[in-house]
Amino acid sequence: MLLQRQSVQVVVAHNTTAELLNQLIREQVNPRGMGKKEIRIGERVFRDGDRVIITQNDYNHHCFNGDVGILHIHDNAEGHHQAISVSV
C-alpha cells in the first residue's frame, strides 16, 4: 500500500534523532531536483515544498504552535531567493 505524503507523521524522543530522520525522510518525499528552490537559514537548508510545523504562535499571521504547512520560496526580480512563506 502506498501512503499519501500528508498521512505520515513520525514522532521520536530526541531532537538529534528527529533531525536525522527528517533529513532521510525529506530526501524520499521531497528530493532535490532540477529547478527545485532551496534556501539556507543559519545551518538549515529549506526546500520549496517541505512540510514544516509551526513552533511558536504568531497572532498577527494567524499561525499557531502545532500548525503544519508547506514551505514556499519566492524569488525577487533578479531571480534570487528572497522570501519564504508557509501555507497552513
C-alpha atoms as a PDB file:
ATOM      1  CA  MET A   1       0.000   0.000   0.000  1.00  0.00           C
ATOM      2  CA  LEU A   2       1.332   3.433  -0.952  1.00  0.00           C
ATOM      3  CA  LEU A   3       0.823   6.078   1.738  1.00  0.00           C
ATOM      4  CA  GLN A   4      -0.099   9.633   0.905  1.00  0.00           C
ATOM      5  CA  ARG A   5       2.621  12.113   1.856  1.00  0.00           C
ATOM      6  CA  GLN A   6       0.271  14.078   4.144  1.00  0.00           C
ATOM      7  CA  SER A   7      -0.833  10.962   6.052  1.00  0.00           C
ATOM      8  CA  VAL A   8       2.502  10.131   7.708  1.00  0.00           C
ATOM      9  CA  GLN A   9       3.843  11.645  10.905  1.00  0.00           C
ATOM     10  CA  VAL A  10       6.908  10.343  12.741  1.00  0.00           C
ATOM     11  CA  VAL A  11       7.370  11.002  16.469  1.00  0.00           C
ATOM     12  CA  VAL A  12      10.740  10.479  18.190  1.00  0.00           C
ATOM     13  CA  ALA A  13      12.086  11.080  21.681  1.00  0.00           C
ATOM     14  CA  HIS A  14      15.253  13.074  20.938  1.00  0.00           C
ATOM     15  CA  ASN A  15      15.941  16.134  18.769  1.00  0.00           C
ATOM     16  CA  THR A  16      19.114  14.639  17.286  1.00  0.00           C
ATOM     17  CA  THR A  17      17.149  11.578  16.161  1.00  0.00           C
ATOM     18  CA  ALA A  18      14.418  13.818  14.751  1.00  0.00           C
ATOM     19  CA  GLU A  19      16.888  15.874  12.700  1.00  0.00           C
ATOM     20  CA  LEU A  20      18.479  12.771  11.183  1.00  0.00           C
ATOM     21  CA  LEU A  21      15.103  11.217  10.380  1.00  0.00           C
ATOM     22  CA  ASN A  22      13.822  14.498   8.949  1.00  0.00           C
ATOM     23  CA  GLN A  23      16.753  14.592   6.510  1.00  0.00           C
ATOM     24  CA  LEU A  24      16.294  10.969   5.452  1.00  0.00           C
ATOM     25  CA  ILE A  25      12.530  11.278   5.018  1.00  0.00           C
ATOM     26  CA  ARG A  26      12.786  14.586   3.142  1.00  0.00           C
ATOM     27  CA  GLU A  27      15.102  13.050   0.550  1.00  0.00           C
ATOM     28  CA  GLN A  28      12.375  10.478  -0.145  1.00  0.00           C
ATOM     29  CA  VAL A  29       9.278  12.708  -0.168  1.00  0.00           C
ATOM     30  CA  ASN A  30      10.777  15.997  -1.449  1.00  0.00           C
ATOM     31  CA  PRO A  31      14.077  15.163  -3.146  1.00  0.00           C
ATOM     32  CA  ARG A  32      16.497  17.691  -4.540  1.00  0.00           C
ATOM     33  CA  GLY A  33      15.808  18.192  -8.222  1.00  0.00           C
ATOM     34  CA  MET A  34      16.438  20.340 -11.233  1.00  0.00           C
ATOM     35  CA  GLY A  35      14.981  23.749 -10.614  1.00  0.00           C
ATOM     36  CA  LYS A  36      13.941  22.925  -7.032  1.00  0.00           C
ATOM     37  CA  LYS A  37      14.434  26.089  -4.984  1.00  0.00           C
ATOM     38  CA  GLU A  38      16.457  25.865  -1.765  1.00  0.00           C
ATOM     39  CA  ILE A  39      17.316  28.496   0.818  1.00  0.00           C
ATOM     40  CA  ARG A  40      19.765  28.346   3.725  1.00  0.00           C
ATOM     41  CA  ILE A  41      18.768  29.949   7.019  1.00  0.00           C
ATOM     42  CA  GLY A  42      21.516  29.534   9.593  1.00  0.00           C
ATOM     43  CA  GLU A  43      22.689  25.935   9.367  1.00  0.00           C
ATOM     44  CA  ARG A  44      19.405  24.621   7.955  1.00  0.00           C
ATOM     45  CA  VAL A  45      18.571  24.218   4.295  1.00  0.00           C
ATOM     46  CA  PHE A  46      14.903  24.502   3.370  1.00  0.00           C
ATOM     47  CA  ARG A  47      13.478  23.249   0.097  1.00  0.00           C
ATOM     48  CA  ASP A  48      10.405  24.507  -1.736  1.00  0.00           C
ATOM     49  CA  GLY A  49       7.581  22.116  -0.833  1.00  0.00           C
ATOM     50  CA  ASP A  50       8.983  20.995   2.546  1.00  0.00           C
ATOM     51  CA  ARG A  51       6.411  20.243   5.235  1.00  0.00           C
ATOM     52  CA  VAL A  52       7.018  22.356   8.317  1.00  0.00           C
ATOM     53  CA  ILE A  53       5.468  22.653  11.758  1.00  0.00           C
ATOM     54  CA  ILE A  54       4.916  25.985  13.480  1.00  0.00           C
ATOM     55  CA  THR A  55       6.663  26.011  16.884  1.00  0.00           C
ATOM     56  CA  GLN A  56       5.699  29.472  18.087  1.00  0.00           C
ATOM     57  CA  ASN A  57       2.418  31.388  17.979  1.00  0.00           C
ATOM     58  CA  ASP A  58       2.245  34.359  15.600  1.00  0.00           C
ATOM     59  CA  TYR A  59      -1.098  36.019  16.234  1.00  0.00           C
ATOM     60  CA  ASN A  60      -0.521  38.661  13.529  1.00  0.00           C
ATOM     61  CA  HIS A  61      -0.327  35.962  10.850  1.00  0.00           C
ATOM     62  CA  HIS A  62      -2.829  33.561  12.484  1.00  0.00           C
ATOM     63  CA  CYS A  63      -0.194  30.817  12.808  1.00  0.00           C
ATOM     64  CA  PHE A  64      -0.187  28.746  15.963  1.00  0.00           C
ATOM     65  CA  ASN A  65       2.107  26.243  17.659  1.00  0.00           C
ATOM     66  CA  GLY A  66       1.449  22.826  16.130  1.00  0.00           C
ATOM     67  CA  ASP A  67       0.051  24.043  12.807  1.00  0.00           C
ATOM     68  CA  VAL A  68       1.502  22.129   9.851  1.00  0.00           C
ATOM     69  CA  GLY A  69       2.109  23.729   6.476  1.00  0.00           C
ATOM     70  CA  ILE A  70       4.014  23.662   3.206  1.00  0.00           C
ATOM     71  CA  LEU A  71       7.012  25.947   2.693  1.00  0.00           C
ATOM     72  CA  HIS A  72       7.194  28.122  -0.454  1.00  0.00           C
ATOM     73  CA  ILE A  73      10.299  30.009  -1.606  1.00  0.00           C
ATOM     74  CA  HIS A  74       9.770  33.255  -3.534  1.00  0.00           C
ATOM     75  CA  ASP A  75      12.292  34.920  -5.833  1.00  0.00           C
ATOM     76  CA  ASN A  76      12.889  38.633  -6.300  1.00  0.00           C
ATOM     77  CA  ALA A  77      13.006  40.312  -9.728  1.00  0.00           C
ATOM     78  CA  GLU A  78      16.634  39.221 -10.242  1.00  0.00           C
ATOM     79  CA  GLY A  79      15.753  35.576  -9.561  1.00  0.00           C
ATOM     80  CA  HIS A  80      17.400  35.420  -6.125  1.00  0.00           C
ATOM     81  CA  HIS A  81      15.586  33.610  -3.303  1.00  0.00           C
ATOM     82  CA  GLN A  82      14.294  36.473  -1.246  1.00  0.00           C
ATOM     83  CA  ALA A  83      11.460  35.279   0.977  1.00  0.00           C
ATOM     84  CA  ILE A  84       9.677  32.217   2.253  1.00  0.00           C
ATOM     85  CA  SER A  85       6.036  31.698   3.141  1.00  0.00           C
ATOM     86  CA  VAL A  86       4.094  28.837   4.658  1.00  0.00           C
ATOM     87  CA  SER A  87       0.594  27.811   3.630  1.00  0.00           C
ATOM     88  CA  VAL A  88      -1.171  26.144   6.552  1.00  0.00           C
END
